[in-house]
Amino acid sequence: MTTHRTAMRWTEWVHVRNTEYAGADLGLVLHPDDDASERFLLMQLGPRTLPPLGWITGRDGKQAKYQVELPSGQHAFVVPVKSLESSHVLKMMMFGLNKGGGLTGSRFERCPYQSWANGGPPIDECNFDVNEFRAIRKVEGQKIEPDSATMICKHAPTLDPYGIDDLPARVTQSGRQYYARAPGGEMWVSFYDLPAETRSALWSRYCEEAAQSELNGSR
């Protein structure tokens, strides 16, 4: 499958992780369910446009030596900047940099952006224990059928797609997050909380729809 103008397969998309953290232990954050074959790139936000700090594939990044434990008891991976691949290599492979060193954005996560329908999770649910909150969504995710589900994406923290956790600054990185819900349902479920087969099928469908959106000249 290719997308209009970019001629890129969906497996060649780059997932951007943005951070405001500037500590010496800065690294690119990976979720345990990030796809092994996809590429992830770290951008440091600041008062001026900065070049990417580097990138890595999910396969290379999700190694035991990079694993960290979160306050919630879950784990993630933090790949030190020095262990990331040079962004110049990725530039030659996949995208261009503008004169200021920032990303042009022309080949990043080509998909029809939609706002968070109904404002996201009900605020009165946010007093749930974080793990209980996610467990409820995992149960809901079992009911979602890839062929009929509604999908959206929004900008949210990688390790806290529902915005309910209090993450340490070091692992607070954000990017596009993807969600689905069953027809007529009221509960959006992060792709991370879906069964692996459902997540894969929905991602393929999402990218097919993104390609069609590109062909139609919309986003």
C-alpha atoms as a PDB file:
ATOM      1  CA  MET A   1       0.000   0.000   0.000  1.00  0.00           C
ATOM      2  CA  THR A   2       1.252   3.493  -0.766  1.00  0.00           C
ATOM      3  CA  THR A   3       0.058   6.934   0.179  1.00  0.00           C
ATOM      4  CA  HIS A   4      -0.446   9.812  -2.225  1.00  0.00           C
ATOM      5  CA  ARG A   5       2.589  12.124  -2.579  1.00  0.00           C
ATOM      6  CA  THR A   6       4.636  10.348   0.089  1.00  0.00           C
ATOM      7  CA  ALA A   7       4.661   6.921  -1.636  1.00  0.00           C
ATOM      8  CA  MET A   8       5.231   5.366   1.782  1.00  0.00           C
ATOM      9  CA  ARG A   9       3.835   2.146   3.182  1.00  0.00           C
ATOM     10  CA  TRP A  10       2.135   2.535   6.548  1.00  0.00           C
ATOM     11  CA  THR A  11       4.913   0.426   8.092  1.00  0.00           C
ATOM     12  CA  GLU A  12       7.335   3.190   7.081  1.00  0.00           C
ATOM     13  CA  TRP A  13       5.632   5.928   9.045  1.00  0.00           C
ATOM     14  CA  VAL A  14       7.609   7.608  11.808  1.00  0.00           C
ATOM     15  CA  HIS A  15       6.031   8.156  15.197  1.00  0.00           C
ATOM     16  CA  VAL A  16       7.235  11.387  16.775  1.00  0.00           C
ATOM     17  CA  ARG A  17       7.702  11.662  20.533  1.00  0.00           C
ATOM     18  CA  ASN A  18       7.885  15.226  21.880  1.00  0.00           C
ATOM     19  CA  THR A  19       9.399  16.156  25.225  1.00  0.00           C
ATOM     20  CA  GLU A  20      10.120  19.282  27.254  1.00  0.00           C
ATOM     21  CA  TYR A  21      12.438  17.371  29.580  1.00  0.00           C
ATOM     22  CA  ALA A  22      16.113  18.322  29.348  1.00  0.00           C
ATOM     23  CA  GLY A  23      17.771  16.236  32.056  1.00  0.00           C
ATOM     24  CA  ALA A  24      20.999  14.336  31.528  1.00  0.00           C
ATOM     25  CA  ASP A  25      19.038  11.054  31.558  1.00  0.00           C
ATOM     26  CA  LEU A  26      16.774  12.109  28.688  1.00  0.00           C
ATOM     27  CA  GLY A  27      15.776   9.298  26.366  1.00  0.00           C
ATOM     28  CA  LEU A  28      13.109   8.259  23.888  1.00  0.00           C
ATOM     29  CA  VAL A  29      10.118   6.601  25.547  1.00  0.00           C
ATOM     30  CA  LEU A  30       8.573   3.453  24.106  1.00  0.00           C
ATOM     31  CA  HIS A  31       5.325   1.847  25.198  1.00  0.00           C
ATOM     32  CA  PRO A  32       5.498  -1.955  25.696  1.00  0.00           C
ATOM     33  CA  ASP A  33       2.954  -2.355  22.885  1.00  0.00           C
ATOM     34  CA  ASP A  34       4.704  -0.130  20.354  1.00  0.00           C
ATOM     35  CA  ASP A  35       5.207  -2.090  17.154  1.00  0.00           C
ATOM     36  CA  ALA A  36       8.656  -3.651  16.772  1.00  0.00           C
ATOM     37  CA  SER A  37       8.862  -2.827  13.062  1.00  0.00           C
ATOM     38  CA  GLU A  38       8.002   0.862  13.308  1.00  0.00           C
ATOM     39  CA  ARG A  39      10.321   3.849  13.759  1.00  0.00           C
ATOM     40  CA  PHE A  40      10.140   6.311  16.645  1.00  0.00           C
ATOM     41  CA  LEU A  41      11.812   9.720  16.685  1.00  0.00           C
ATOM     42  CA  LEU A  42      12.536  12.019  19.627  1.00  0.00           C
ATOM     43  CA  MET A  43      11.983  15.786  19.411  1.00  0.00           C
ATOM     44  CA  GLN A  44      12.888  18.176  22.221  1.00  0.00           C
ATOM     45  CA  LEU A  45      10.542  21.128  22.501  1.00  0.00           C
ATOM     46  CA  GLY A  46      11.918  24.572  23.239  1.00  0.00           C
ATOM     47  CA  PRO A  47      11.677  28.275  22.427  1.00  0.00           C
ATOM     48  CA  ARG A  48      13.199  27.642  19.007  1.00  0.00           C
ATOM     49  CA  THR A  49      13.029  24.849  16.469  1.00  0.00           C
ATOM     50  CA  LEU A  50      15.520  22.109  17.230  1.00  0.00           C
ATOM     51  CA  PRO A  51      16.628  19.197  15.058  1.00  0.00           C
ATOM     52  CA  PRO A  52      15.514  15.702  16.066  1.00  0.00           C
ATOM     53  CA  LEU A  53      17.592  14.053  18.773  1.00  0.00           C
ATOM     54  CA  GLY A  54      17.531  10.682  17.051  1.00  0.00           C
ATOM     55  CA  TRP A  55      15.369   7.685  16.270  1.00  0.00           C
ATOM     56  CA  ILE A  56      15.112   3.948  16.838  1.00  0.00           C
ATOM     57  CA  THR A  57      12.909   1.038  15.826  1.00  0.00           C
ATOM     58  CA  GLY A  58      10.609  -0.573  18.338  1.00  0.00           C
ATOM     59  CA  ARG A  59      12.576  -3.798  18.026  1.00  0.00           C
ATOM     60  CA  ASP A  60      15.893  -2.178  18.935  1.00  0.00           C
ATOM     61  CA  GLY A  61      14.405   0.043  21.610  1.00  0.00           C
ATOM     62  CA  LYS A  62      12.410  -2.505  23.589  1.00  0.00           C
ATOM     63  CA  GLN A  63      15.381  -4.212  25.166  1.00  0.00           C
ATOM     64  CA  ALA A  64      15.587  -5.278  28.808  1.00  0.00           C
ATOM     65  CA  LYS A  65      18.457  -2.868  29.475  1.00  0.00           C
ATOM     66  CA  TYR A  66      16.196   0.077  28.643  1.00  0.00           C
ATOM     67  CA  GLN A  67      13.238  -1.052  30.746  1.00  0.00           C
ATOM     68  CA  VAL A  68      12.006   1.185  33.568  1.00  0.00           C
ATOM     69  CA  GLU A  69       9.261   0.746  36.134  1.00  0.00           C
ATOM     70  CA  LEU A  70       6.518   3.370  36.426  1.00  0.00           C
ATOM     71  CA  PRO A  71       4.840   4.486  39.680  1.00  0.00           C
ATOM     72  CA  SER A  72       1.679   2.679  38.549  1.00  0.00           C
ATOM     73  CA  GLY A  73       3.590  -0.611  38.505  1.00  0.00           C
ATOM     74  CA  GLN A  74       3.609  -0.821  34.722  1.00  0.00           C
ATOM     75  CA  HIS A  75       6.818  -0.712  32.732  1.00  0.00           C
ATOM     76  CA  ALA A  76       8.104   1.156  29.705  1.00  0.00           C
ATOM     77  CA  PHE A  77      11.375   1.589  27.854  1.00  0.00           C
ATOM     78  CA  VAL A  78      13.603   4.670  27.832  1.00  0.00           C
ATOM     79  CA  VAL A  79      16.359   4.629  25.217  1.00  0.00           C
ATOM     80  CA  PRO A  80      19.190   7.078  26.036  1.00  0.00           C
ATOM     81  CA  VAL A  81      19.844   9.740  23.426  1.00  0.00           C
ATOM     82  CA  LYS A  82      23.359   8.402  22.905  1.00  0.00           C
ATOM     83  CA  SER A  83      21.860   5.046  21.872  1.00  0.00           C
ATOM     84  CA  LEU A  84      19.548   6.527  19.229  1.00  0.00           C
ATOM     85  CA  GLU A  85      20.290   6.426  15.529  1.00  0.00           C
ATOM     86  CA  SER A  86      21.316   9.700  13.910  1.00  0.00           C
ATOM     87  CA  SER A  87      18.413  11.711  12.551  1.00  0.00           C
ATOM     88  CA  HIS A  88      20.557  12.489   9.495  1.00  0.00           C
ATOM     89  CA  VAL A  89      20.329   8.843   8.464  1.00  0.00           C
ATOM     90  CA  LEU A  90      16.563   8.928   8.801  1.00  0.00           C
ATOM     91  CA  LYS A  91      16.459  12.175   6.850  1.00  0.00           C
ATOM     92  CA  MET A  92      18.117  10.539   3.885  1.00  0.00           C
ATOM     93  CA  MET A  93      15.778   7.564   4.146  1.00  0.00           C
ATOM     94  CA  MET A  94      12.440   9.193   4.712  1.00  0.00           C
ATOM     95  CA  PHE A  95      12.082  12.955   5.052  1.00  0.00           C
ATOM     96  CA  GLY A  96      13.600  16.414   4.662  1.00  0.00           C
ATOM     97  CA  LEU A  97      14.611  19.053   7.182  1.00  0.00           C
ATOM     98  CA  ASN A  98      13.801  22.690   6.732  1.00  0.00           C
ATOM     99  CA  LYS A  99      16.498  25.387   6.866  1.00  0.00           C
ATOM    100  CA  GLY A 100      16.001  25.848  10.591  1.00  0.00           C
ATOM    101  CA  GLY A 101      16.668  22.204  11.262  1.00  0.00           C
ATOM    102  CA  GLY A 102      13.080  21.298  12.130  1.00  0.00           C
ATOM    103  CA  LEU A 103      10.872  18.699  10.540  1.00  0.00           C
ATOM    104  CA  THR A 104       8.931  19.620   7.442  1.00  0.00           C
ATOM    105  CA  GLY A 105       6.174  17.320   8.616  1.00  0.00           C
ATOM    106  CA  SER A 106       5.381  16.251   5.057  1.00  0.00           C
ATOM    107  CA  ARG A 107       5.951  12.572   5.767  1.00  0.00           C
ATOM    108  CA  PHE A 108       5.000  12.252   9.368  1.00  0.00           C
ATOM    109  CA  GLU A 109       1.955  10.261  10.455  1.00  0.00           C
ATOM    110  CA  ARG A 110      -0.164  11.038   7.428  1.00  0.00           C
ATOM    111  CA  CYS A 111      -3.670  10.548   8.722  1.00  0.00           C
ATOM    112  CA  PRO A 112      -6.966  12.448   8.930  1.00  0.00           C
ATOM    113  CA  TYR A 113      -6.715  14.275  12.237  1.00  0.00           C
ATOM    114  CA  GLN A 114      -9.927  14.368  14.248  1.00  0.00           C
ATOM    115  CA  SER A 115     -10.628  16.061  17.544  1.00  0.00           C
ATOM    116  CA  TRP A 116     -11.356  14.014  20.633  1.00  0.00           C
ATOM    117  CA  ALA A 117     -15.043  13.255  20.336  1.00  0.00           C
ATOM    118  CA  ASN A 118     -17.145  14.001  23.427  1.00  0.00           C
ATOM    119  CA  GLY A 119     -14.132  15.392  25.261  1.00  0.00           C
ATOM    120  CA  GLY A 120     -12.460  12.040  25.954  1.00  0.00           C
ATOM    121  CA  PRO A 121     -12.969   9.946  29.096  1.00  0.00           C
ATOM    122  CA  PRO A 122     -15.691  11.238  31.439  1.00  0.00           C
ATOM    123  CA  ILE A 123     -14.037  13.441  34.033  1.00  0.00           C
ATOM    124  CA  ASP A 124     -15.906  11.718  36.865  1.00  0.00           C
ATOM    125  CA  GLU A 125     -14.133   8.460  35.970  1.00  0.00           C
ATOM    126  CA  CYS A 126     -10.707   9.924  36.628  1.00  0.00           C
ATOM    127  CA  ASN A 127     -10.873   9.107  40.331  1.00  0.00           C
ATOM    128  CA  PHE A 128     -10.379   5.433  39.388  1.00  0.00           C
ATOM    129  CA  ASP A 129      -7.152   3.728  40.253  1.00  0.00           C
ATOM    130  CA  VAL A 130      -5.057   4.033  37.096  1.00  0.00           C
ATOM    131  CA  ASN A 131      -4.711   0.287  36.653  1.00  0.00           C
ATOM    132  CA  GLU A 132      -8.420  -0.262  37.294  1.00  0.00           C
ATOM    133  CA  PHE A 133      -9.272   2.437  34.767  1.00  0.00           C
ATOM    134  CA  ARG A 134      -7.172   0.711  32.128  1.00  0.00           C
ATOM    135  CA  ALA A 135      -8.506  -2.728  33.042  1.00  0.00           C
ATOM    136  CA  ILE A 136     -12.036  -1.502  32.322  1.00  0.00           C
ATOM    137  CA  ARG A 137     -10.927  -0.340  28.894  1.00  0.00           C
ATOM    138  CA  LYS A 138      -9.179  -3.597  28.154  1.00  0.00           C
ATOM    139  CA  VAL A 139     -12.476  -5.367  28.807  1.00  0.00           C
ATOM    140  CA  GLU A 140     -14.255  -2.918  26.521  1.00  0.00           C
ATOM    141  CA  GLY A 141     -11.563  -3.474  23.920  1.00  0.00           C
ATOM    142  CA  GLN A 142     -12.507  -7.140  23.733  1.00  0.00           C
ATOM    143  CA  LYS A 143     -15.889  -6.071  22.317  1.00  0.00           C
ATOM    144  CA  ILE A 144     -14.482  -3.948  19.485  1.00  0.00           C
ATOM    145  CA  GLU A 145     -14.646  -5.386  15.982  1.00  0.00           C
ATOM    146  CA  PRO A 146     -12.066  -3.939  13.550  1.00  0.00           C
ATOM    147  CA  ASP A 147     -14.476  -3.800  10.599  1.00  0.00           C
ATOM    148  CA  SER A 148     -17.103  -1.701  12.364  1.00  0.00           C
ATOM    149  CA  ALA A 149     -15.210   0.319  14.973  1.00  0.00           C
ATOM    150  CA  THR A 150     -14.958   4.095  14.914  1.00  0.00           C
ATOM    151  CA  MET A 151     -11.408   5.457  15.147  1.00  0.00           C
ATOM    152  CA  ILE A 152      -9.894   8.809  16.055  1.00  0.00           C
ATOM    153  CA  CYS A 153      -6.463  10.176  16.938  1.00  0.00           C
ATOM    154  CA  LYS A 154      -5.385  12.948  19.291  1.00  0.00           C
ATOM    155  CA  HIS A 155      -2.203  14.395  20.751  1.00  0.00           C
ATOM    156  CA  ALA A 156      -1.614  12.757  24.138  1.00  0.00           C
ATOM    157  CA  PRO A 157       1.156  11.350  26.352  1.00  0.00           C
ATOM    158  CA  THR A 158       2.596   8.067  25.093  1.00  0.00           C
ATOM    159  CA  LEU A 159       2.379   6.357  28.481  1.00  0.00           C
ATOM    160  CA  ASP A 160      -0.848   8.066  29.562  1.00  0.00           C
ATOM    161  CA  PRO A 161      -3.196   8.165  26.554  1.00  0.00           C
ATOM    162  CA  TYR A 162      -6.229   8.927  28.764  1.00  0.00           C
ATOM    163  CA  GLY A 163      -4.597  11.775  30.669  1.00  0.00           C
ATOM    164  CA  ILE A 164      -5.256  10.258  34.098  1.00  0.00           C
ATOM    165  CA  ASP A 165      -1.766   9.412  35.381  1.00  0.00           C
ATOM    166  CA  ASP A 166       0.875  11.534  37.093  1.00  0.00           C
ATOM    167  CA  LEU A 167       4.008  10.557  35.202  1.00  0.00           C
ATOM    168  CA  PRO A 168       7.580  11.541  36.098  1.00  0.00           C
ATOM    169  CA  ALA A 169       8.883  14.328  33.834  1.00  0.00           C
ATOM    170  CA  ARG A 170      11.530  12.034  32.343  1.00  0.00           C
ATOM    171  CA  VAL A 171       8.923   9.742  30.759  1.00  0.00           C
ATOM    172  CA  THR A 172       6.336  12.379  29.889  1.00  0.00           C
ATOM    173  CA  GLN A 173       6.475  12.419  26.104  1.00  0.00           C
ATOM    174  CA  SER A 174       3.587  13.074  23.769  1.00  0.00           C
ATOM    175  CA  GLY A 175       2.583  12.351  20.219  1.00  0.00           C
ATOM    176  CA  ARG A 176      -0.373  11.137  18.234  1.00  0.00           C
ATOM    177  CA  GLN A 177      -2.378   8.480  20.039  1.00  0.00           C
ATOM    178  CA  TYR A 178      -5.054   6.334  18.435  1.00  0.00           C
ATOM    179  CA  TYR A 179      -8.384   5.208  19.857  1.00  0.00           C
ATOM    180  CA  ALA A 180     -11.366   3.093  18.875  1.00  0.00           C
ATOM    181  CA  ARG A 181     -14.852   2.390  20.119  1.00  0.00           C
ATOM    182  CA  ALA A 182     -17.655   0.039  19.189  1.00  0.00           C
ATOM    183  CA  PRO A 183     -20.628   1.372  17.157  1.00  0.00           C
ATOM    184  CA  GLY A 184     -22.968   3.173  19.526  1.00  0.00           C
ATOM    185  CA  GLY A 185     -20.463   2.870  22.363  1.00  0.00           C
ATOM    186  CA  GLU A 186     -19.444   5.732  24.628  1.00  0.00           C
ATOM    187  CA  MET A 187     -16.026   4.499  25.762  1.00  0.00           C
ATOM    188  CA  TRP A 188     -12.949   5.260  23.667  1.00  0.00           C
ATOM    189  CA  VAL A 189     -10.217   2.650  24.035  1.00  0.00           C
ATOM    190  CA  SER A 190      -6.558   3.356  23.340  1.00  0.00           C
ATOM    191  CA  PHE A 191      -5.035   1.110  20.696  1.00  0.00           C
ATOM    192  CA  TYR A 192      -2.609   0.054  23.444  1.00  0.00           C
ATOM    193  CA  ASP A 193      -5.516  -1.471  25.391  1.00  0.00           C
ATOM    194  CA  LEU A 194      -6.868  -3.504  22.476  1.00  0.00           C
ATOM    195  CA  PRO A 195      -6.059  -7.169  21.835  1.00  0.00           C
ATOM    196  CA  ALA A 196      -2.991  -7.415  19.593  1.00  0.00           C
ATOM    197  CA  GLU A 197      -4.932  -8.811  16.621  1.00  0.00           C
ATOM    198  CA  THR A 198      -7.582  -6.096  16.881  1.00  0.00           C
ATOM    199  CA  ARG A 199      -4.932  -3.388  17.152  1.00  0.00           C
ATOM    200  CA  SER A 200      -3.095  -4.665  14.081  1.00  0.00           C
ATOM    201  CA  ALA A 201      -6.274  -4.900  12.012  1.00  0.00           C
ATOM    202  CA  LEU A 202      -7.424  -1.427  13.050  1.00  0.00           C
ATOM    203  CA  TRP A 203      -4.015   0.089  12.333  1.00  0.00           C
ATOM    204  CA  SER A 204      -4.043  -1.388   8.839  1.00  0.00           C
ATOM    205  CA  ARG A 205      -7.549  -0.070   8.273  1.00  0.00           C
ATOM    206  CA  TYR A 206      -6.651   3.336   9.666  1.00  0.00           C
ATOM    207  CA  CYS A 207      -3.703   3.661   7.305  1.00  0.00           C
ATOM    208  CA  GLU A 208      -5.781   2.556   4.340  1.00  0.00           C
ATOM    209  CA  GLU A 209      -8.265   5.309   5.184  1.00  0.00           C
ATOM    210  CA  ALA A 210      -5.402   7.787   5.591  1.00  0.00           C
ATOM    211  CA  ALA A 211      -4.151   6.883   2.120  1.00  0.00           C
ATOM    212  CA  GLN A 212      -7.618   7.397   0.686  1.00  0.00           C
ATOM    213  CA  SER A 213      -7.870  10.714   2.489  1.00  0.00           C
ATOM    214  CA  GLU A 214      -4.595  11.768   0.866  1.00  0.00           C
ATOM    215  CA  LEU A 215      -5.915  10.771  -2.555  1.00  0.00           C
ATOM    216  CA  ASN A 216      -8.989  12.878  -1.911  1.00  0.00           C
ATOM    217  CA  GLY A 217      -6.863  15.838  -0.882  1.00  0.00           C
ATOM    218  CA  SER A 218      -8.042  15.971   2.705  1.00  0.00           C
ATOM    219  CA  ARG A 219      -6.486  15.214   6.072  1.00  0.00           C
END
